[in-house]
Amino acid sequence: MVSEAVLRDLVKESKANEAVFKTRVRKALRSSYSSHYRWMLPLLPDALQFRSNNSAHRPVIDTVDLLGRYAEQQAASP
């Protein structure tokens, strides 16, 4: 059995550790994006075909198409 004060301290410590963990995860994801995944993004429109019958998803499909066209223009530019 522990006192209420000890339980409060444990909760505070847990919350502090959670913030540190979230910060580490965010830094790791950001690092992975900037050094690895970022160069692959322009290749996705050529490698994948995006389709949807749902009109709610049309803006996303249109955006992917637009990004593909931009990637093609940049590849064709000297």
Protein backbone atom coordinates (compact mmCIF):
# COMPACT_ATOMS: atom_id res chain seq x y z
CA MET A 1 0.00 0.00 0.00
CA VAL A 2 1.17 3.47 -0.83
CA SER A 3 0.01 6.89 0.11
CA GLU A 4 -2.04 9.17 -2.10
CA ALA A 5 0.98 11.47 -2.45
CA VAL A 6 3.06 8.61 -3.90
CA LEU A 7 0.30 7.84 -6.40
CA ARG A 8 0.13 11.49 -7.44
CA ASP A 9 3.91 11.54 -7.93
CA LEU A 10 3.69 8.41 -10.08
CA VAL A 11 1.01 9.99 -12.25
CA LYS A 12 3.12 13.16 -12.66
CA GLU A 13 6.17 11.08 -13.59
CA SER A 14 4.15 9.05 -16.07
CA LYS A 15 2.82 12.18 -17.76
CA ALA A 16 6.32 13.66 -17.95
CA ASN A 17 7.69 10.47 -19.51
CA GLU A 18 4.81 10.43 -22.00
CA ALA A 19 5.75 13.90 -23.24
CA VAL A 20 9.39 12.86 -23.63
CA PHE A 21 8.33 9.72 -25.51
CA LYS A 22 6.07 11.68 -27.86
CA THR A 23 8.89 14.13 -28.56
CA ARG A 24 11.27 11.28 -29.40
CA VAL A 25 8.75 9.65 -31.72
CA ARG A 26 8.06 12.95 -33.48
CA LYS A 27 11.80 13.56 -33.99
CA ALA A 28 12.31 10.04 -35.34
CA LEU A 29 9.42 10.35 -37.78
CA ARG A 30 10.60 13.75 -38.96
CA SER A 31 14.10 12.47 -39.47
CA SER A 32 12.83 9.47 -41.44
CA TYR A 33 10.73 11.71 -43.67
CA SER A 34 13.47 14.22 -44.40
CA SER A 35 16.20 11.68 -45.06
CA HIS A 36 14.38 8.71 -46.54
CA TYR A 37 10.73 8.98 -47.52
CA ARG A 38 10.84 12.46 -49.00
CA TRP A 39 12.71 11.45 -52.15
CA MET A 40 10.19 8.67 -52.83
CA LEU A 41 7.07 10.84 -52.79
CA PRO A 42 7.40 12.09 -56.39
CA LEU A 43 7.68 8.45 -57.55
CA LEU A 44 4.34 7.38 -56.03
CA PRO A 45 2.01 8.71 -58.76
CA ASP A 46 3.89 6.64 -61.36
CA ALA A 47 4.01 3.54 -59.19
CA LEU A 48 0.45 3.57 -57.86
CA GLN A 49 -2.94 4.19 -59.39
CA PHE A 50 -5.45 5.92 -57.15
CA ARG A 51 -9.17 5.49 -57.80
CA SER A 52 -12.39 5.97 -55.90
CA ASN A 53 -16.09 5.84 -56.69
CA ASN A 54 -16.83 7.97 -53.64
CA SER A 55 -17.30 11.61 -54.62
CA ALA A 56 -16.18 12.67 -51.13
CA HIS A 57 -12.69 11.38 -52.01
CA ARG A 58 -12.55 13.21 -55.35
CA PRO A 59 -10.51 16.16 -53.98
CA VAL A 60 -7.84 13.74 -52.76
CA ILE A 61 -7.73 11.92 -56.10
CA ASP A 62 -7.53 15.26 -57.95
CA THR A 63 -4.68 16.36 -55.69
CA VAL A 64 -2.73 13.16 -56.33
CA ASP A 65 -3.24 13.64 -60.08
CA LEU A 66 -2.02 17.23 -59.83
CA LEU A 67 1.08 16.18 -57.91
CA GLY A 68 1.79 13.60 -60.61
CA ARG A 69 1.56 16.25 -63.31
CA TYR A 70 3.92 18.53 -61.39
CA ALA A 71 6.40 15.67 -60.99
CA GLU A 72 6.26 15.00 -64.75
CA GLN A 73 6.88 18.69 -65.51
CA GLN A 74 9.87 18.83 -63.19
CA ALA A 75 11.32 15.66 -64.69
CA ALA A 76 10.96 17.11 -68.20
CA SER A 77 12.54 20.46 -67.24
CA PRO A 78 16.32 20.77 -67.67
